[in-house]
Amino acid sequence: MPTKSELQEENSRLKREVSAMGAQLSRMERELSGKLLPEELPSETIPAMIRGLMREYKLPWECFWCDRHRRWYVLLDSAFPYYWEGCECPSCMTNGDPFGGC
């Protein structure tokens, strides 16, 4: 039989999980209704290649966006989607970033 502290810990964990799921549901509802918040929208139109990758990997557009240069990645890490460090946008490539990625 679980102790009171174990039950309280489990309750706290479940509350955090429900809260996170509620936030995710809210974003999905905004996305379906076409009323995303400004910070949730890409600043450029999403290229067809990126849309295809989003469908293939089931990832949001943010995973394919270079925050540093505000451009789409054109080169993905060889271990993508598990690692993003090697992803590069055109600016990363021309700047010769020795560490790759943004």
PDB file of N, CA and C in Angstrom:
ATOM      1  N   MET A   1       0.850  -1.181   0.000  1.00  0.00           N
ATOM      2  CA  MET A   1       0.000   0.000   0.000  1.00  0.00           C
ATOM      3  C   MET A   1       0.898   1.248   0.000  1.00  0.00           C
ATOM      4  N   PRO A   2       0.620   2.183  -0.916  1.00  0.00           N
ATOM      5  CA  PRO A   2       1.458   3.381  -1.004  1.00  0.00           C
ATOM      6  C   PRO A   2       1.278   4.282   0.219  1.00  0.00           C
ATOM      7  N   THR A   3       2.354   4.972   0.542  1.00  0.00           N
ATOM      8  CA  THR A   3       2.302   5.901   1.673  1.00  0.00           C
ATOM      9  C   THR A   3       1.665   7.217   1.223  1.00  0.00           C
ATOM     10  N   LYS A   4       1.365   8.049   2.213  1.00  0.00           N
ATOM     11  CA  LYS A   4       0.740   9.337   1.921  1.00  0.00           C
ATOM     12  C   LYS A   4       1.662  10.200   1.057  1.00  0.00           C
ATOM     13  N   SER A   5       2.951  10.212   1.365  1.00  0.00           N
ATOM     14  CA  SER A   5       3.891  11.035   0.594  1.00  0.00           C
ATOM     15  C   SER A   5       4.012  10.532  -0.848  1.00  0.00           C
ATOM     16  N   GLU A   6       3.965   9.221  -1.040  1.00  0.00           N
ATOM     17  CA  GLU A   6       4.019   8.662  -2.392  1.00  0.00           C
ATOM     18  C   GLU A   6       2.775   9.062  -3.186  1.00  0.00           C
ATOM     19  N   LEU A   7       1.620   9.026  -2.518  1.00  0.00           N
ATOM     20  CA  LEU A   7       0.381   9.429  -3.180  1.00  0.00           C
ATOM     21  C   LEU A   7       0.390  10.918  -3.528  1.00  0.00           C
ATOM     22  N   GLN A   8       0.925  11.738  -2.620  1.00  0.00           N
ATOM     23  CA  GLN A   8       1.007  13.174  -2.881  1.00  0.00           C
ATOM     24  C   GLN A   8       1.953  13.459  -4.051  1.00  0.00           C
ATOM     25  N   GLU A   9       3.057  12.735  -4.091  1.00  0.00           N
ATOM     26  CA  GLU A   9       4.018  12.895  -5.179  1.00  0.00           C
ATOM     27  C   GLU A   9       3.390  12.493  -6.515  1.00  0.00           C
ATOM     28  N   GLU A  10       2.688  11.383  -6.516  1.00  0.00           N
ATOM     29  CA  GLU A  10       2.007  10.912  -7.726  1.00  0.00           C
ATOM     30  C   GLU A  10       0.929  11.912  -8.153  1.00  0.00           C
ATOM     31  N   ASN A  11       0.203  12.462  -7.191  1.00  0.00           N
ATOM     32  CA  ASN A  11      -0.825  13.457  -7.470  1.00  0.00           C
ATOM     33  C   ASN A  11      -0.206  14.702  -8.109  1.00  0.00           C
ATOM     34  N   SER A  12       0.910  15.158  -7.568  1.00  0.00           N
ATOM     35  CA  SER A  12       1.594  16.332  -8.125  1.00  0.00           C
ATOM     36  C   SER A  12       2.058  16.064  -9.552  1.00  0.00           C
ATOM     37  N   ARG A  13       2.624  14.888  -9.784  1.00  0.00           N
ATOM     38  CA  ARG A  13       3.096  14.521 -11.119  1.00  0.00           C
ATOM     39  C   ARG A  13       1.939  14.504 -12.119  1.00  0.00           C
ATOM     40  N   LEU A  14       0.821  13.916 -11.696  1.00  0.00           N
ATOM     41  CA  LEU A  14      -0.348  13.843 -12.574  1.00  0.00           C
ATOM     42  C   LEU A  14      -0.926  15.229 -12.863  1.00  0.00           C
ATOM     43  N   LYS A  15      -0.911  16.122 -11.868  1.00  0.00           N
ATOM     44  CA  LYS A  15      -1.399  17.489 -12.080  1.00  0.00           C
ATOM     45  C   LYS A  15      -0.529  18.219 -13.099  1.00  0.00           C
ATOM     46  N   ARG A  16       0.801  18.043 -13.008  1.00  0.00           N
ATOM     47  CA  ARG A  16       1.709  18.663 -13.977  1.00  0.00           C
ATOM     48  C   ARG A  16       1.453  18.109 -15.379  1.00  0.00           C
ATOM     49  N   GLU A  17       1.239  16.810 -15.452  1.00  0.00           N
ATOM     50  CA  GLU A  17       0.979  16.163 -16.739  1.00  0.00           C
ATOM     51  C   GLU A  17      -0.327  16.676 -17.355  1.00  0.00           C
ATOM     52  N   VAL A  18      -1.369  16.796 -16.545  1.00  0.00           N
ATOM     53  CA  VAL A  18      -2.664  17.297 -17.027  1.00  0.00           C
ATOM     54  C   VAL A  18      -2.525  18.751 -17.483  1.00  0.00           C
ATOM     55  N   SER A  19      -1.768  19.540 -16.742  1.00  0.00           N
ATOM     56  CA  SER A  19      -1.554  20.935 -17.115  1.00  0.00           C
ATOM     57  C   SER A  19      -0.836  21.037 -18.463  1.00  0.00           C
ATOM     58  N   ALA A  20       0.199  20.225 -18.647  1.00  0.00           N
ATOM     59  CA  ALA A  20       0.941  20.227 -19.910  1.00  0.00           C
ATOM     60  C   ALA A  20       0.047  19.780 -21.061  1.00  0.00           C
ATOM     61  N   MET A  21      -0.779  18.793 -20.819  1.00  0.00           N
ATOM     62  CA  MET A  21      -1.685  18.310 -21.862  1.00  0.00           C
ATOM     63  C   MET A  21      -2.742  19.367 -22.189  1.00  0.00           C
ATOM     64  N   GLY A  22      -3.178  20.106 -21.181  1.00  0.00           N
ATOM     65  CA  GLY A  22      -4.140  21.186 -21.411  1.00  0.00           C
ATOM     66  C   GLY A  22      -3.544  22.280 -22.285  1.00  0.00           C
ATOM     67  N   ALA A  23      -2.278  22.633 -22.024  1.00  0.00           N
ATOM     68  CA  ALA A  23      -1.601  23.644 -22.842  1.00  0.00           C
ATOM     69  C   ALA A  23      -1.444  23.147 -24.274  1.00  0.00           C
ATOM     70  N   GLN A  24      -1.100  21.884 -24.425  1.00  0.00           N
ATOM     71  CA  GLN A  24      -0.948  21.297 -25.755  1.00  0.00           C
ATOM     72  C   GLN A  24      -2.295  21.284 -26.491  1.00  0.00           C
ATOM     73  N   LEU A  25      -3.350  20.941 -25.789  1.00  0.00           N
ATOM     74  CA  LEU A  25      -4.688  20.932 -26.383  1.00  0.00           C
ATOM     75  C   LEU A  25      -5.096  22.340 -26.823  1.00  0.00           C
ATOM     76  N   SER A  26      -4.815  23.334 -25.991  1.00  0.00           N
ATOM     77  CA  SER A  26      -5.152  24.718 -26.347  1.00  0.00           C
ATOM     78  C   SER A  26      -4.444  25.144 -27.623  1.00  0.00           C
ATOM     79  N   ARG A  27      -3.150  24.796 -27.726  1.00  0.00           N
ATOM     80  CA  ARG A  27      -2.402  25.163 -28.929  1.00  0.00           C
ATOM     81  C   ARG A  27      -2.974  24.452 -30.154  1.00  0.00           C
ATOM     82  N   MET A  28      -3.311  23.183 -30.005  1.00  0.00           N
ATOM     83  CA  MET A  28      -3.876  22.432 -31.132  1.00  0.00           C
ATOM     84  C   MET A  28      -5.214  23.017 -31.572  1.00  0.00           C
ATOM     85  N   GLU A  29      -6.031  23.441 -30.598  1.00  0.00           N
ATOM     86  CA  GLU A  29      -7.320  24.054 -30.935  1.00  0.00           C
ATOM     87  C   GLU A  29      -7.109  25.372 -31.671  1.00  0.00           C
ATOM     88  N   ARG A  30      -6.115  26.176 -31.216  1.00  0.00           N
ATOM     89  CA  ARG A  30      -5.813  27.434 -31.907  1.00  0.00           C
ATOM     90  C   ARG A  30      -5.310  27.157 -33.320  1.00  0.00           C
ATOM     91  N   GLU A  31      -4.495  26.110 -33.457  1.00  0.00           N
ATOM     92  CA  GLU A  31      -3.964  25.760 -34.775  1.00  0.00           C
ATOM     93  C   GLU A  31      -5.089  25.340 -35.719  1.00  0.00           C
ATOM     94  N   LEU A  32      -6.019  24.523 -35.224  1.00  0.00           N
ATOM     95  CA  LEU A  32      -7.133  24.074 -36.064  1.00  0.00           C
ATOM     96  C   LEU A  32      -8.063  25.217 -36.456  1.00  0.00           C
ATOM     97  N   SER A  33      -8.251  26.156 -35.550  1.00  0.00           N
ATOM     98  CA  SER A  33      -9.142  27.279 -35.843  1.00  0.00           C
ATOM     99  C   SER A  33      -8.434  28.379 -36.633  1.00  0.00           C
ATOM    100  N   GLY A  34      -7.118  28.245 -36.821  1.00  0.00           N
ATOM    101  CA  GLY A  34      -6.361  29.253 -37.566  1.00  0.00           C
ATOM    102  C   GLY A  34      -6.103  30.510 -36.778  1.00  0.00           C
ATOM    103  N   LYS A  35      -6.122  30.413 -35.461  1.00  0.00           N
ATOM    104  CA  LYS A  35      -5.937  31.586 -34.614  1.00  0.00           C
ATOM    105  C   LYS A  35      -4.728  31.424 -33.692  1.00  0.00           C
ATOM    106  N   LEU A  36      -3.587  31.050 -34.279  1.00  0.00           N
ATOM    107  CA  LEU A  36      -2.373  30.902 -33.484  1.00  0.00           C
ATOM    108  C   LEU A  36      -1.902  32.259 -32.983  1.00  0.00           C
ATOM    109  N   LEU A  37      -1.227  32.264 -31.855  1.00  0.00           N
ATOM    110  CA  LEU A  37      -0.647  33.486 -31.318  1.00  0.00           C
ATOM    111  C   LEU A  37       0.505  33.922 -32.223  1.00  0.00           C
ATOM    112  N   PRO A  38       0.840  35.213 -32.246  1.00  0.00           N
ATOM    113  CA  PRO A  38       1.921  35.687 -33.129  1.00  0.00           C
ATOM    114  C   PRO A  38       3.244  34.942 -32.928  1.00  0.00           C
ATOM    115  N   GLU A  39       3.570  34.619 -31.693  1.00  0.00           N
ATOM    116  CA  GLU A  39       4.832  33.916 -31.439  1.00  0.00           C
ATOM    117  C   GLU A  39       4.783  32.453 -31.873  1.00  0.00           C
ATOM    118  N   GLU A  40       3.602  31.955 -32.187  1.00  0.00           N
ATOM    119  CA  GLU A  40       3.456  30.576 -32.643  1.00  0.00           C
ATOM    120  C   GLU A  40       3.470  30.460 -34.168  1.00  0.00           C
ATOM    121  N   LEU A  41       3.552  31.589 -34.858  1.00  0.00           N
ATOM    122  CA  LEU A  41       3.536  31.585 -36.320  1.00  0.00           C
ATOM    123  C   LEU A  41       4.943  31.783 -36.869  1.00  0.00           C
ATOM    124  N   PRO A  42       5.295  31.085 -37.941  1.00  0.00           N
ATOM    125  CA  PRO A  42       6.590  31.349 -38.573  1.00  0.00           C
ATOM    126  C   PRO A  42       6.544  32.717 -39.243  1.00  0.00           C
ATOM    127  N   SER A  43       7.680  33.395 -39.314  1.00  0.00           N
ATOM    128  CA  SER A  43       7.686  34.728 -39.913  1.00  0.00           C
ATOM    129  C   SER A  43       7.685  34.659 -41.437  1.00  0.00           C
ATOM    130  N   GLU A  44       7.905  33.489 -42.003  1.00  0.00           N
ATOM    131  CA  GLU A  44       7.876  33.295 -43.451  1.00  0.00           C
ATOM    132  C   GLU A  44       6.918  32.150 -43.762  1.00  0.00           C
ATOM    133  N   THR A  45       6.546  32.028 -45.029  1.00  0.00           N
ATOM    134  CA  THR A  45       5.724  30.883 -45.414  1.00  0.00           C
ATOM    135  C   THR A  45       6.564  29.615 -45.305  1.00  0.00           C
ATOM    136  N   ILE A  46       5.929  28.527 -45.002  1.00  0.00           N
ATOM    137  CA  ILE A  46       6.636  27.260 -44.815  1.00  0.00           C
ATOM    138  C   ILE A  46       6.870  26.616 -46.182  1.00  0.00           C
ATOM    139  N   PRO A  47       8.142  26.384 -46.545  1.00  0.00           N
ATOM    140  CA  PRO A  47       8.434  25.757 -47.841  1.00  0.00           C
ATOM    141  C   PRO A  47       7.862  24.342 -47.914  1.00  0.00           C
ATOM    142  N   ALA A  48       7.612  23.885 -49.141  1.00  0.00           N
ATOM    143  CA  ALA A  48       7.030  22.555 -49.351  1.00  0.00           C
ATOM    144  C   ALA A  48       7.909  21.463 -48.745  1.00  0.00           C
ATOM    145  N   MET A  49       9.241  21.605 -48.871  1.00  0.00           N
ATOM    146  CA  MET A  49      10.148  20.605 -48.310  1.00  0.00           C
ATOM    147  C   MET A  49       9.966  20.494 -46.789  1.00  0.00           C
ATOM    148  N   ILE A  50       9.848  21.645 -46.134  1.00  0.00           N
ATOM    149  CA  ILE A  50       9.675  21.663 -44.676  1.00  0.00           C
ATOM    150  C   ILE A  50       8.329  21.058 -44.302  1.00  0.00           C
ATOM    151  N   ARG A  51       7.273  21.394 -45.051  1.00  0.00           N
ATOM    152  CA  ARG A  51       5.956  20.808 -44.768  1.00  0.00           C
ATOM    153  C   ARG A  51       6.005  19.288 -44.877  1.00  0.00           C
ATOM    154  N   GLY A  52       6.725  18.783 -45.883  1.00  0.00           N
ATOM    155  CA  GLY A  52       6.869  17.336 -46.040  1.00  0.00           C
ATOM    156  C   GLY A  52       7.607  16.711 -44.869  1.00  0.00           C
ATOM    157  N   LEU A  53       8.674  17.378 -44.412  1.00  0.00           N
ATOM    158  CA  LEU A  53       9.427  16.865 -43.262  1.00  0.00           C
ATOM    159  C   LEU A  53       8.583  16.915 -41.991  1.00  0.00           C
ATOM    160  N   MET A  54       7.765  17.954 -41.861  1.00  0.00           N
ATOM    161  CA  MET A  54       6.886  18.055 -40.693  1.00  0.00           C
ATOM    162  C   MET A  54       5.929  16.870 -40.659  1.00  0.00           C
ATOM    163  N   ARG A  55       5.372  16.525 -41.813  1.00  0.00           N
ATOM    164  CA  ARG A  55       4.462  15.381 -41.875  1.00  0.00           C
ATOM    165  C   ARG A  55       5.205  14.074 -41.614  1.00  0.00           C
ATOM    166  N   GLU A  56       6.380  13.933 -42.232  1.00  0.00           N
ATOM    167  CA  GLU A  56       7.139  12.690 -42.106  1.00  0.00           C
ATOM    168  C   GLU A  56       7.560  12.422 -40.667  1.00  0.00           C
ATOM    169  N   TYR A  57       8.090  13.449 -39.996  1.00  0.00           N
ATOM    170  CA  TYR A  57       8.592  13.272 -38.633  1.00  0.00           C
ATOM    171  C   TYR A  57       7.559  13.611 -37.562  1.00  0.00           C
ATOM    172  N   LYS A  58       6.402  14.140 -37.984  1.00  0.00           N
ATOM    173  CA  LYS A  58       5.344  14.545 -37.047  1.00  0.00           C
ATOM    174  C   LYS A  58       5.878  15.560 -36.024  1.00  0.00           C
ATOM    175  N   LEU A  59       6.557  16.594 -36.539  1.00  0.00           N
ATOM    176  CA  LEU A  59       7.153  17.634 -35.708  1.00  0.00           C
ATOM    177  C   LEU A  59       6.598  18.996 -36.114  1.00  0.00           C
ATOM    178  N   PRO A  60       6.569  19.965 -35.184  1.00  0.00           N
ATOM    179  CA  PRO A  60       6.099  21.310 -35.528  1.00  0.00           C
ATOM    180  C   PRO A  60       7.157  22.062 -36.338  1.00  0.00           C
ATOM    181  N   TRP A  61       6.755  23.168 -36.937  1.00  0.00           N
ATOM    182  CA  TRP A  61       7.661  23.943 -37.786  1.00  0.00           C
ATOM    183  C   TRP A  61       8.859  24.468 -37.016  1.00  0.00           C
ATOM    184  N   GLU A  62       8.722  24.709 -35.716  1.00  0.00           N
ATOM    185  CA  GLU A  62       9.820  25.269 -34.923  1.00  0.00           C
ATOM    186  C   GLU A  62      11.074  24.405 -34.969  1.00  0.00           C
ATOM    187  N   CYS A  63      10.909  23.112 -35.189  1.00  0.00           N
ATOM    188  CA  CYS A  63      12.054  22.194 -35.227  1.00  0.00           C
ATOM    189  C   CYS A  63      12.906  22.398 -36.472  1.00  0.00           C
ATOM    190  N   PHE A  64      12.381  23.085 -37.469  1.00  0.00           N
ATOM    191  CA  PHE A  64      13.090  23.279 -38.729  1.00  0.00           C
ATOM    192  C   PHE A  64      13.477  24.743 -38.937  1.00  0.00           C
ATOM    193  N   TRP A  65      13.439  25.536 -37.891  1.00  0.00           N
ATOM    194  CA  TRP A  65      13.650  26.983 -37.959  1.00  0.00           C
ATOM    195  C   TRP A  65      14.893  27.356 -37.174  1.00  0.00           C
ATOM    196  N   CYS A  66      15.785  28.127 -37.784  1.00  0.00           N
ATOM    197  CA  CYS A  66      17.001  28.613 -37.118  1.00  0.00           C
ATOM    198  C   CYS A  66      16.639  29.892 -36.366  1.00  0.00           C
ATOM    199  N   ASP A  67      16.627  29.832 -35.045  1.00  0.00           N
ATOM    200  CA  ASP A  67      16.258  30.998 -34.243  1.00  0.00           C
ATOM    201  C   ASP A  67      17.304  32.107 -34.338  1.00  0.00           C
ATOM    202  N   ARG A  68      18.565  31.718 -34.476  1.00  0.00           N
ATOM    203  CA  ARG A  68      19.644  32.709 -34.507  1.00  0.00           C
ATOM    204  C   ARG A  68      19.537  33.593 -35.751  1.00  0.00           C
ATOM    205  N   HIS A  69      19.304  32.979 -36.921  1.00  0.00           N
ATOM    206  CA  HIS A  69      19.280  33.730 -38.173  1.00  0.00           C
ATOM    207  C   HIS A  69      17.875  33.943 -38.733  1.00  0.00           C
ATOM    208  N   ARG A  70      16.884  33.369 -38.079  1.00  0.00           N
ATOM    209  CA  ARG A  70      15.489  33.487 -38.492  1.00  0.00           C
ATOM    210  C   ARG A  70      15.294  33.040 -39.943  1.00  0.00           C
ATOM    211  N   ARG A  71      15.811  31.825 -40.223  1.00  0.00           N
ATOM    212  CA  ARG A  71      15.680  31.220 -41.548  1.00  0.00           C
ATOM    213  C   ARG A  71      15.413  29.733 -41.375  1.00  0.00           C
ATOM    214  N   TRP A  72      14.927  29.088 -42.447  1.00  0.00           N
ATOM    215  CA  TRP A  72      14.655  27.653 -42.416  1.00  0.00           C
ATOM    216  C   TRP A  72      15.951  26.877 -42.555  1.00  0.00           C
ATOM    217  N   TYR A  73      16.033  25.745 -41.870  1.00  0.00           N
ATOM    218  CA  TYR A  73      17.181  24.857 -42.053  1.00  0.00           C
ATOM    219  C   TYR A  73      17.142  24.282 -43.466  1.00  0.00           C
ATOM    220  N   VAL A  74      18.311  24.178 -44.090  1.00  0.00           N
ATOM    221  CA  VAL A  74      18.411  23.529 -45.398  1.00  0.00           C
ATOM    222  C   VAL A  74      19.240  22.250 -45.298  1.00  0.00           C
ATOM    223  N   LEU A  75      19.946  22.093 -44.176  1.00  0.00           N
ATOM    224  CA  LEU A  75      20.751  20.900 -43.945  1.00  0.00           C
ATOM    225  C   LEU A  75      20.409  20.379 -42.552  1.00  0.00           C
ATOM    226  N   LEU A  76      19.984  19.133 -42.471  1.00  0.00           N
ATOM    227  CA  LEU A  76      19.615  18.545 -41.186  1.00  0.00           C
ATOM    228  C   LEU A  76      20.747  17.681 -40.654  1.00  0.00           C
ATOM    229  N   ASP A  77      20.842  17.581 -39.340  1.00  0.00           N
ATOM    230  CA  ASP A  77      21.824  16.725 -38.683  1.00  0.00           C
ATOM    231  C   ASP A  77      21.636  15.289 -39.158  1.00  0.00           C
ATOM    232  N   SER A  78      22.727  14.545 -39.265  1.00  0.00           N
ATOM    233  CA  SER A  78      22.634  13.155 -39.741  1.00  0.00           C
ATOM    234  C   SER A  78      21.819  12.284 -38.794  1.00  0.00           C
ATOM    235  N   ALA A  79      21.701  12.697 -37.532  1.00  0.00           N
ATOM    236  CA  ALA A  79      20.921  11.935 -36.560  1.00  0.00           C
ATOM    237  C   ALA A  79      19.556  12.584 -36.299  1.00  0.00           C
ATOM    238  N   PHE A  80      19.146  13.509 -37.174  1.00  0.00           N
ATOM    239  CA  PHE A  80      17.840  14.143 -37.020  1.00  0.00           C
ATOM    240  C   PHE A  80      16.758  13.072 -37.068  1.00  0.00           C
ATOM    241  N   PRO A  81      15.738  13.083 -36.263  1.00  0.00           N
ATOM    242  CA  PRO A  81      15.263  14.130 -35.370  1.00  0.00           C
ATOM    243  C   PRO A  81      15.754  13.994 -33.934  1.00  0.00           C
ATOM    244  N   TYR A  82      16.710  13.119 -33.690  1.00  0.00           N
ATOM    245  CA  TYR A  82      17.189  12.919 -32.323  1.00  0.00           C
ATOM    246  C   TYR A  82      18.168  14.002 -31.890  1.00  0.00           C
ATOM    247  N   TYR A  83      18.885  14.598 -32.834  1.00  0.00           N
ATOM    248  CA  TYR A  83      19.834  15.671 -32.539  1.00  0.00           C
ATOM    249  C   TYR A  83      19.642  16.792 -33.548  1.00  0.00           C
ATOM    250  N   TRP A  84      19.746  18.032 -33.075  1.00  0.00           N
ATOM    251  CA  TRP A  84      19.583  19.198 -33.934  1.00  0.00           C
ATOM    252  C   TRP A  84      20.892  19.976 -34.083  1.00  0.00           C
ATOM    253  N   GLU A  85      21.928  19.587 -33.377  1.00  0.00           N
ATOM    254  CA  GLU A  85      23.152  20.383 -33.347  1.00  0.00           C
ATOM    255  C   GLU A  85      23.758  20.600 -34.729  1.00  0.00           C
ATOM    256  N   GLY A  86      23.609  19.632 -35.640  1.00  0.00           N
ATOM    257  CA  GLY A  86      24.208  19.745 -36.964  1.00  0.00           C
ATOM    258  C   GLY A  86      23.314  20.389 -38.006  1.00  0.00           C
ATOM    259  N   CYS A  87      22.114  20.799 -37.623  1.00  0.00           N
ATOM    260  CA  CYS A  87      21.207  21.436 -38.587  1.00  0.00           C
ATOM    261  C   CYS A  87      21.737  22.827 -38.930  1.00  0.00           C
ATOM    262  N   GLU A  88      21.647  23.193 -40.208  1.00  0.00           N
ATOM    263  CA  GLU A  88      22.176  24.486 -40.639  1.00  0.00           C
ATOM    264  C   GLU A  88      21.218  25.186 -41.592  1.00  0.00           C
ATOM    265  N   CYS A  89      21.143  26.493 -41.427  1.00  0.00           N
ATOM    266  CA  CYS A  89      20.412  27.334 -42.368  1.00  0.00           C
ATOM    267  C   CYS A  89      21.451  27.915 -43.334  1.00  0.00           C
ATOM    268  N   PRO A  90      21.045  28.610 -44.402  1.00  0.00           N
ATOM    269  CA  PRO A  90      22.032  29.178 -45.329  1.00  0.00           C
ATOM    270  C   PRO A  90      23.035  30.110 -44.642  1.00  0.00           C
ATOM    271  N   SER A  91      22.588  30.881 -43.650  1.00  0.00           N
ATOM    272  CA  SER A  91      23.500  31.788 -42.947  1.00  0.00           C
ATOM    273  C   SER A  91      24.523  31.024 -42.122  1.00  0.00           C
ATOM    274  N   CYS A  92      24.109  29.938 -41.493  1.00  0.00           N
ATOM    275  CA  CYS A  92      25.049  29.111 -40.723  1.00  0.00           C
ATOM    276  C   CYS A  92      26.129  28.564 -41.655  1.00  0.00           C
ATOM    277  N   MET A  93      25.718  28.169 -42.861  1.00  0.00           N
ATOM    278  CA  MET A  93      26.651  27.572 -43.813  1.00  0.00           C
ATOM    279  C   MET A  93      27.643  28.605 -44.340  1.00  0.00           C
ATOM    280  N   THR A  94      27.187  29.829 -44.632  1.00  0.00           N
ATOM    281  CA  THR A  94      28.085  30.851 -45.177  1.00  0.00           C
ATOM    282  C   THR A  94      28.991  31.436 -44.105  1.00  0.00           C
ATOM    283  N   ASN A  95      28.538  31.435 -42.852  1.00  0.00           N
ATOM    284  CA  ASN A  95      29.367  31.950 -41.764  1.00  0.00           C
ATOM    285  C   ASN A  95      30.436  30.952 -41.351  1.00  0.00           C
ATOM    286  N   GLY A  96      30.340  29.729 -41.850  1.00  0.00           N
ATOM    287  CA  GLY A  96      31.332  28.710 -41.515  1.00  0.00           C
ATOM    288  C   GLY A  96      31.337  28.369 -40.041  1.00  0.00           C
ATOM    289  N   ASP A  97      30.178  28.306 -39.443  1.00  0.00           N
ATOM    290  CA  ASP A  97      30.067  27.959 -38.025  1.00  0.00           C
ATOM    291  C   ASP A  97      30.710  26.595 -37.796  1.00  0.00           C
ATOM    292  N   PRO A  98      31.834  26.528 -37.052  1.00  0.00           N
ATOM    293  CA  PRO A  98      32.539  25.254 -36.887  1.00  0.00           C
ATOM    294  C   PRO A  98      31.743  24.223 -36.110  1.00  0.00           C
ATOM    295  N   PHE A  99      30.772  24.666 -35.357  1.00  0.00           N
ATOM    296  CA  PHE A  99      29.989  23.728 -34.558  1.00  0.00           C
ATOM    297  C   PHE A  99      28.706  23.338 -35.267  1.00  0.00           C
ATOM    298  N   GLY A 100      28.420  23.947 -36.407  1.00  0.00           N
ATOM    299  CA  GLY A 100      27.181  23.670 -37.117  1.00  0.00           C
ATOM    300  C   GLY A 100      26.000  24.106 -36.281  1.00  0.00           C
ATOM    301  N   GLY A 101      24.860  23.949 -36.818  1.00  0.00           N
ATOM    302  CA  GLY A 101      23.621  24.196 -36.076  1.00  0.00           C
ATOM    303  C   GLY A 101      23.521  25.572 -35.475  1.00  0.00           C
ATOM    304  N   CYS A 102      22.377  25.881 -35.022  1.00  0.00           N
ATOM    305  CA  CYS A 102      22.139  27.190 -34.405  1.00  0.00           C
ATOM    306  C   CYS A 102      21.750  26.979 -33.014  1.00  0.00           C
TER     307      CYS A 102
END
